[in-house]
Amino acid sequence: MQYNVAQLLREPTGSTRSFLVERTFAGGPESPEGPQGEVRILRTHQGVLVNAEIQVEANLTCSRCLRGFPRSSSLHIEEEFLAAVDFSTGRSIDLPSDDEPIFIIDEDNVVDLSEALRQYVIADEPMKPLCQAECLGLCHVCGNDLNQGICKCDAGSMDPRWRALAGLLNTGSD
């Protein structure tokens, strides 16, 4: 997802360009089918401001059963890209030395949204992704996927000190 902004950098502050993003984009492992949406680029006094509404499909791993599953999400990206080179003179520009990482317009006046998109996809991932809300996970003894059926291992063996409490659990469900 690269956009040449050379012409936009020649225009006054406030000038804009809009682009459609198609699923034909060859994305990385986070986006197997590629993103889709709209990108709007606004000229600022230091570079460009990118606003994008992007739909992506990420492949995640369930935290309970360890199976992969696709997850669609809609991302709103808003990032400023600063020019690394003065457009009129061709000289390098000293960029701010904040602790915060910045996105840069390269020497060829190209804005590359791939890294920003990757970061937004990662930030949008749930802390504990689940393939389904009722996922049963894996058997703690044999490791079988409990979503595919009850395992035949000896998971029923219980520490005898817990039997009285287990009996209360069984009688409380009536």
Protein backbone atom coordinates (compact mmCIF):
# COMPACT_ATOMS: atom_id res chain seq x y z
CA MET A 1 0.00 0.00 0.00
CA GLN A 2 2.30 2.67 -1.32
CA TYR A 3 1.20 6.07 -2.58
CA ASN A 4 3.33 8.61 -4.41
CA VAL A 5 2.62 12.03 -2.89
CA ALA A 6 5.11 14.12 -4.93
CA GLN A 7 2.37 16.12 -6.63
CA LEU A 8 0.48 16.56 -3.35
CA LEU A 9 3.64 17.95 -1.68
CA ARG A 10 3.81 20.66 -4.39
CA GLU A 11 0.30 21.82 -3.54
CA PRO A 12 -0.69 24.12 -0.65
CA THR A 13 -1.52 22.91 2.85
CA GLY A 14 -5.02 21.46 2.96
CA SER A 15 -4.94 19.77 -0.45
CA THR A 16 -6.23 16.20 -0.48
CA ARG A 17 -6.17 12.98 -2.47
CA SER A 18 -8.44 9.95 -2.06
CA PHE A 19 -7.72 6.37 -3.05
CA LEU A 20 -9.68 3.13 -3.00
CA VAL A 21 -7.94 0.05 -1.64
CA GLU A 22 -8.88 -3.19 -3.37
CA ARG A 23 -8.49 -6.73 -2.08
CA THR A 24 -6.01 -7.45 -4.86
CA PHE A 25 -3.26 -6.04 -2.60
CA ALA A 26 -0.79 -8.79 -1.68
CA GLY A 27 -0.79 -8.48 2.09
CA GLY A 28 1.40 -10.17 4.65
CA PRO A 29 0.48 -13.05 6.96
CA GLU A 30 -1.80 -10.73 8.98
CA SER A 31 -3.99 -10.04 5.94
CA PRO A 32 -4.19 -13.05 3.61
CA GLU A 33 -6.89 -11.59 1.37
CA GLY A 34 -5.58 -8.04 1.56
CA PRO A 35 -7.25 -4.95 2.95
CA GLN A 36 -10.17 -3.12 1.40
CA GLY A 37 -11.38 0.42 2.01
CA GLU A 38 -10.62 4.07 1.38
CA VAL A 39 -7.53 6.19 2.03
CA ARG A 40 -7.61 9.98 2.23
CA ILE A 41 -4.31 11.90 2.28
CA LEU A 42 -4.25 15.54 3.42
CA ARG A 43 -1.29 17.88 2.85
CA THR A 44 0.03 19.39 6.11
CA HIS A 45 2.80 21.90 6.66
CA GLN A 46 5.26 19.12 7.62
CA GLY A 47 4.12 16.29 5.40
CA VAL A 48 0.80 14.48 4.97
CA LEU A 49 -1.97 13.24 7.26
CA VAL A 50 -3.38 9.86 6.30
CA ASN A 51 -6.95 8.96 7.26
CA ALA A 52 -8.11 5.51 6.22
CA GLU A 53 -11.08 3.26 6.80
CA ILE A 54 -9.81 -0.24 6.08
CA GLN A 55 -11.45 -3.65 6.45
CA VAL A 56 -8.99 -6.48 7.02
CA GLU A 57 -9.22 -10.17 7.72
CA ALA A 58 -6.57 -11.48 10.09
CA ASN A 59 -5.73 -15.09 10.87
CA LEU A 60 -5.69 -15.62 14.64
CA THR A 61 -5.09 -18.62 16.89
CA CYS A 62 -7.70 -19.50 19.50
CA SER A 63 -6.27 -19.21 22.99
CA ARG A 64 -8.25 -22.25 24.20
CA CYS A 65 -8.16 -24.86 21.43
CA LEU A 66 -5.15 -23.54 19.46
CA ARG A 67 -6.99 -23.73 16.13
CA GLY A 68 -6.54 -20.96 13.58
CA PHE A 69 -9.57 -18.90 12.57
CA PRO A 70 -10.20 -15.79 10.47
CA ARG A 71 -11.35 -12.55 12.12
CA SER A 72 -12.64 -9.57 10.18
CA SER A 73 -12.24 -6.10 11.57
CA SER A 74 -12.70 -2.52 10.49
CA LEU A 75 -9.80 -0.20 11.27
CA HIS A 76 -9.65 3.59 11.36
CA ILE A 77 -6.09 4.68 10.67
CA GLU A 78 -4.99 8.24 11.33
CA GLU A 79 -1.25 8.90 11.10
CA GLU A 80 0.96 11.79 10.06
CA PHE A 81 3.83 11.06 7.72
CA LEU A 82 6.70 13.55 7.85
CA ALA A 83 8.93 14.39 4.91
CA ALA A 84 12.50 13.12 5.27
CA VAL A 85 13.69 15.30 2.39
CA ASP A 86 12.79 18.91 1.58
CA PHE A 87 10.80 18.66 -1.66
CA SER A 88 12.10 21.92 -3.17
CA THR A 89 15.82 21.67 -2.23
CA GLY A 90 16.39 17.91 -1.97
CA ARG A 91 18.16 18.28 1.39
CA SER A 92 17.53 16.01 4.35
CA ILE A 93 15.24 17.38 7.03
CA ASP A 94 16.01 16.95 10.72
CA LEU A 95 13.08 14.98 12.10
CA PRO A 96 11.83 15.45 15.67
CA SER A 97 13.66 13.26 18.15
CA ASP A 98 10.66 12.32 20.27
CA ASP A 99 10.46 8.95 21.95
CA GLU A 100 7.41 8.27 19.80
CA PRO A 101 8.20 6.52 16.50
CA ILE A 102 7.19 8.46 13.42
CA PHE A 103 6.22 7.51 9.89
CA ILE A 104 8.31 9.01 7.12
CA ILE A 105 7.75 9.97 3.49
CA ASP A 106 10.81 8.47 1.79
CA GLU A 107 13.24 10.16 -0.61
CA ASP A 108 11.07 9.16 -3.58
CA ASN A 109 8.04 10.92 -2.00
CA VAL A 110 6.27 7.64 -1.36
CA VAL A 111 4.02 7.02 1.63
CA ASP A 112 4.06 3.33 2.61
CA LEU A 113 1.04 2.39 4.74
CA SER A 114 2.09 -1.25 5.21
CA GLU A 115 3.80 -0.74 8.58
CA ALA A 116 1.01 1.47 9.93
CA LEU A 117 -1.59 -1.09 8.83
CA ARG A 118 0.40 -3.91 10.44
CA GLN A 119 0.57 -2.01 13.74
CA TYR A 120 -3.15 -1.22 13.70
CA VAL A 121 -4.02 -4.88 12.98
CA ILE A 122 -1.89 -6.01 15.93
CA ALA A 123 -3.40 -3.36 18.22
CA ASP A 124 -6.90 -4.45 17.19
CA GLU A 125 -6.34 -8.12 18.07
CA PRO A 126 -8.09 -9.31 21.23
CA MET A 127 -5.85 -10.18 24.17
CA LYS A 128 -7.35 -13.68 24.31
CA PRO A 129 -8.71 -14.54 20.87
CA LEU A 130 -11.46 -17.17 20.83
CA CYS A 131 -12.69 -19.05 17.77
CA GLN A 132 -16.17 -19.03 19.36
CA ALA A 133 -17.48 -17.76 22.70
CA GLU A 134 -18.34 -21.31 23.85
CA CYS A 135 -14.95 -22.83 22.91
CA LEU A 136 -14.24 -25.74 25.29
CA GLY A 137 -10.49 -25.77 24.68
CA LEU A 138 -8.16 -28.71 25.12
CA CYS A 139 -8.24 -31.53 27.64
CA HIS A 140 -5.68 -30.71 30.32
CA VAL A 141 -4.59 -34.35 30.50
CA CYS A 142 -4.42 -35.70 26.94
CA GLY A 143 -4.63 -32.50 24.87
CA ASN A 144 -7.63 -33.53 22.72
CA ASP A 145 -9.83 -30.76 21.35
CA LEU A 146 -12.99 -30.85 23.51
CA ASN A 147 -14.96 -29.02 20.79
CA GLN A 148 -14.77 -32.19 18.69
CA GLY A 149 -16.05 -34.48 21.44
CA ILE A 150 -15.34 -35.76 24.91
CA CYS A 151 -11.94 -37.39 25.27
CA LYS A 152 -11.45 -40.93 26.56
CA CYS A 153 -8.54 -40.20 28.87
CA ASP A 154 -8.60 -40.61 32.63
CA ALA A 155 -9.41 -36.96 33.29
CA GLY A 156 -11.96 -38.02 35.89
CA SER A 157 -9.38 -39.01 38.48
CA MET A 158 -9.62 -36.52 41.27
CA ASP A 159 -7.64 -35.77 44.36
CA PRO A 160 -9.67 -37.39 47.17
CA ARG A 161 -9.54 -34.18 49.22
CA TRP A 162 -11.77 -32.46 46.60
CA ARG A 163 -14.48 -35.16 46.41
CA ALA A 164 -16.74 -33.50 48.98
CA LEU A 165 -16.69 -30.23 47.05
CA ALA A 166 -17.27 -32.03 43.74
CA GLY A 167 -20.34 -33.66 45.30
CA LEU A 168 -21.75 -30.22 46.14
CA LEU A 169 -21.21 -29.11 42.55
CA ASN A 170 -23.20 -32.08 41.22
CA THR A 171 -26.11 -31.61 43.64
CA GLY A 172 -26.28 -27.84 43.06
CA SER A 173 -27.22 -28.24 39.37
CA ASP A 174 -30.60 -29.87 40.09
